[in-house]
C-alpha cells in the first residue's frame, strides 16, 4: 500500500524554508553594507546610489563596478573573514576595516 503524502506539511516546510532563505539573504545584504562601509551613508543616499546602479544602462560602468567588487572580496578574503562574514559562514567583518571606495564619480559627503 502507498504511503499517504501530507501535502499541507510539505507546503508548510517549503514556506518555512523560503522564509529562512529570504531572511538569510537580507542578513547577508546587511553584512555587505557594513563590510563596505556603506552604513556610514544615510538611508536616502544609499538608496539613491543603489537605484542609480540598478537603473544604469552603461555596460562599462557596470563592468567596472563588478571588477571593483571582485577585488574587494578578494582583499577581504585574504584578511581572513571578509567574504566569510558576508556569506554567513564565519566571523563578522572587522568594523572600519578597509571599506571600498566609491564609484569614482563624485565624492561622498
C-alpha atoms as a PDB file:
ATOM      1  CA  UNK A   1       0.000   0.000   0.000  1.00  0.00           C
ATOM      2  CA  UNK A   2       1.229   3.520  -0.805  1.00  0.00           C
ATOM      3  CA  UNK A   3       2.159   5.937   1.903  1.00  0.00           C
ATOM      4  CA  UNK A   4      -0.181   8.927   2.096  1.00  0.00           C
ATOM      5  CA  UNK A   5       1.546  12.260   1.486  1.00  0.00           C
ATOM      6  CA  UNK A   6       0.846  15.157   3.782  1.00  0.00           C
ATOM      7  CA  UNK A   7       0.724  17.996   1.260  1.00  0.00           C
ATOM      8  CA  UNK A   8      -0.084  20.588   3.910  1.00  0.00           C
ATOM      9  CA  UNK A   9       3.015  19.682   5.917  1.00  0.00           C
ATOM     10  CA  UNK A  10       5.181  19.690   2.777  1.00  0.00           C
ATOM     11  CA  UNK A  11       3.811  23.074   1.752  1.00  0.00           C
ATOM     12  CA  UNK A  12       4.431  24.468   5.235  1.00  0.00           C
ATOM     13  CA  UNK A  13       8.002  23.110   5.200  1.00  0.00           C
ATOM     14  CA  UNK A  14       8.654  24.709   1.813  1.00  0.00           C
ATOM     15  CA  UNK A  15       7.231  28.015   3.048  1.00  0.00           C
ATOM     16  CA  UNK A  16       9.425  27.871   6.140  1.00  0.00           C
ATOM     17  CA  UNK A  17      12.477  27.148   4.006  1.00  0.00           C
ATOM     18  CA  UNK A  18      11.643  30.049   1.661  1.00  0.00           C
ATOM     19  CA  UNK A  19      11.288  32.417   4.637  1.00  0.00           C
ATOM     20  CA  UNK A  20      14.607  31.219   6.081  1.00  0.00           C
ATOM     21  CA  UNK A  21      16.372  31.750   2.743  1.00  0.00           C
ATOM     22  CA  UNK A  22      14.898  35.244   2.428  1.00  0.00           C
ATOM     23  CA  UNK A  23      15.964  36.119   5.979  1.00  0.00           C
ATOM     24  CA  UNK A  24      19.481  34.837   5.278  1.00  0.00           C
ATOM     25  CA  UNK A  25      19.681  36.950   2.108  1.00  0.00           C
ATOM     26  CA  UNK A  26      18.553  40.068   3.961  1.00  0.00           C
ATOM     27  CA  UNK A  27      21.158  39.411   6.659  1.00  0.00           C
ATOM     28  CA  UNK A  28      23.898  38.939   4.038  1.00  0.00           C
ATOM     29  CA  UNK A  29      22.954  42.192   2.315  1.00  0.00           C
ATOM     30  CA  UNK A  30      23.137  43.983   5.648  1.00  0.00           C
ATOM     31  CA  UNK A  31      26.556  42.477   6.301  1.00  0.00           C
ATOM     32  CA  UNK A  32      27.673  43.632   2.846  1.00  0.00           C
ATOM     33  CA  UNK A  33      26.559  47.193   3.583  1.00  0.00           C
ATOM     34  CA  UNK A  34      28.529  47.166   6.845  1.00  0.00           C
ATOM     35  CA  UNK A  35      31.610  45.468   5.347  1.00  0.00           C
ATOM     36  CA  UNK A  36      31.866  48.054   2.560  1.00  0.00           C
ATOM     37  CA  UNK A  37      31.437  50.976   4.931  1.00  0.00           C
ATOM     38  CA  UNK A  38      28.186  51.996   3.247  1.00  0.00           C
ATOM     39  CA  UNK A  39      26.474  52.007   6.637  1.00  0.00           C
ATOM     40  CA  UNK A  40      28.104  55.426   7.143  1.00  0.00           C
ATOM     41  CA  UNK A  41      25.737  56.805   4.478  1.00  0.00           C
ATOM     42  CA  UNK A  42      22.243  57.865   5.409  1.00  0.00           C
ATOM     43  CA  UNK A  43      19.481  55.578   4.117  1.00  0.00           C
ATOM     44  CA  UNK A  44      18.296  58.037   1.460  1.00  0.00           C
ATOM     45  CA  UNK A  45      21.782  58.416  -0.053  1.00  0.00           C
ATOM     46  CA  UNK A  46      22.390  54.675  -0.047  1.00  0.00           C
ATOM     47  CA  UNK A  47      19.014  54.034  -1.654  1.00  0.00           C
ATOM     48  CA  UNK A  48      19.722  56.674  -4.318  1.00  0.00           C
ATOM     49  CA  UNK A  49      23.100  55.157  -5.153  1.00  0.00           C
ATOM     50  CA  UNK A  50      21.605  51.680  -5.430  1.00  0.00           C
ATOM     51  CA  UNK A  51      18.711  52.915  -7.579  1.00  0.00           C
ATOM     52  CA  UNK A  52      21.169  54.639  -9.935  1.00  0.00           C
ATOM     53  CA  UNK A  53      23.209  51.434 -10.158  1.00  0.00           C
ATOM     54  CA  UNK A  54      20.145  49.306 -10.865  1.00  0.00           C
ATOM     55  CA  UNK A  55      18.855  51.737 -13.491  1.00  0.00           C
ATOM     56  CA  UNK A  56      22.201  52.239 -15.200  1.00  0.00           C
ATOM     57  CA  UNK A  57      22.400  51.140 -18.819  1.00  0.00           C
ATOM     58  CA  UNK A  58      26.163  51.824 -19.013  1.00  0.00           C
ATOM     59  CA  UNK A  59      27.753  48.404 -19.504  1.00  0.00           C
ATOM     60  CA  UNK A  60      31.291  49.715 -18.973  1.00  0.00           C
ATOM     61  CA  UNK A  61      30.318  51.257 -15.622  1.00  0.00           C
ATOM     62  CA  UNK A  62      28.685  48.004 -14.546  1.00  0.00           C
ATOM     63  CA  UNK A  63      31.811  46.108 -15.596  1.00  0.00           C
ATOM     64  CA  UNK A  64      33.980  48.480 -13.569  1.00  0.00           C
ATOM     65  CA  UNK A  65      31.695  48.081 -10.541  1.00  0.00           C
ATOM     66  CA  UNK A  66      31.846  44.302 -10.897  1.00  0.00           C
ATOM     67  CA  UNK A  67      35.667  44.359 -11.078  1.00  0.00           C
ATOM     68  CA  UNK A  68      35.870  46.659  -8.057  1.00  0.00           C
ATOM     69  CA  UNK A  69      33.515  44.356  -6.129  1.00  0.00           C
ATOM     70  CA  UNK A  70      35.507  41.264  -7.055  1.00  0.00           C
ATOM     71  CA  UNK A  71      38.730  42.966  -5.919  1.00  0.00           C
ATOM     72  CA  UNK A  72      37.024  43.948  -2.653  1.00  0.00           C
ATOM     73  CA  UNK A  73      36.028  40.354  -1.907  1.00  0.00           C
ATOM     74  CA  UNK A  74      39.498  39.072  -2.815  1.00  0.00           C
ATOM     75  CA  UNK A  75      41.121  41.598  -0.452  1.00  0.00           C
ATOM     76  CA  UNK A  76      38.660  40.749   2.308  1.00  0.00           C
ATOM     77  CA  UNK A  77      39.218  37.031   1.830  1.00  0.00           C
ATOM     78  CA  UNK A  78      42.983  37.434   2.228  1.00  0.00           C
ATOM     79  CA  UNK A  79      42.476  39.319   5.500  1.00  0.00           C
ATOM     80  CA  UNK A  80      40.573  36.319   6.798  1.00  0.00           C
ATOM     81  CA  UNK A  81      36.864  36.612   7.334  1.00  0.00           C
ATOM     82  CA  UNK A  82      35.604  39.262   4.943  1.00  0.00           C
ATOM     83  CA  UNK A  83      33.847  37.126   2.387  1.00  0.00           C
ATOM     84  CA  UNK A  84      33.092  34.513   5.045  1.00  0.00           C
ATOM     85  CA  UNK A  85      31.361  37.128   7.174  1.00  0.00           C
ATOM     86  CA  UNK A  86      29.205  38.203   4.261  1.00  0.00           C
ATOM     87  CA  UNK A  87      28.241  34.710   3.142  1.00  0.00           C
ATOM     88  CA  UNK A  88      27.289  33.838   6.709  1.00  0.00           C
ATOM     89  CA  UNK A  89      29.871  31.086   7.135  1.00  0.00           C
ATOM     90  CA  UNK A  90      32.110  32.618   9.748  1.00  0.00           C
ATOM     91  CA  UNK A  91      33.344  35.588  11.699  1.00  0.00           C
ATOM     92  CA  UNK A  92      31.953  39.104  11.468  1.00  0.00           C
ATOM     93  CA  UNK A  93      33.779  41.628   9.309  1.00  0.00           C
ATOM     94  CA  UNK A  94      36.004  43.919  11.315  1.00  0.00           C
ATOM     95  CA  UNK A  95      34.451  47.369  11.803  1.00  0.00           C
ATOM     96  CA  UNK A  96      36.170  50.207  10.000  1.00  0.00           C
ATOM     97  CA  UNK A  97      38.308  47.813   8.015  1.00  0.00           C
ATOM     98  CA  UNK A  98      39.336  48.897   4.516  1.00  0.00           C
ATOM     99  CA  UNK A  99      35.997  49.918   3.006  1.00  0.00           C
ATOM    100  CA  UNK A 100      35.855  50.008  -0.788  1.00  0.00           C
ATOM    101  CA  UNK A 101      35.963  53.374  -2.460  1.00  0.00           C
ATOM    102  CA  UNK A 102      33.010  54.972  -4.183  1.00  0.00           C
ATOM    103  CA  UNK A 103      32.095  54.605  -7.842  1.00  0.00           C
ATOM    104  CA  UNK A 104      34.768  57.092  -8.862  1.00  0.00           C
ATOM    105  CA  UNK A 105      32.173  59.698  -9.791  1.00  0.00           C
ATOM    106  CA  UNK A 106      31.502  62.186  -7.037  1.00  0.00           C
ATOM    107  CA  UNK A 107      32.900  62.079  -3.512  1.00  0.00           C
ATOM    108  CA  UNK A 108      30.589  61.121  -0.653  1.00  0.00           C
ATOM    109  CA  UNK A 109      29.632  63.913   1.709  1.00  0.00           C
END
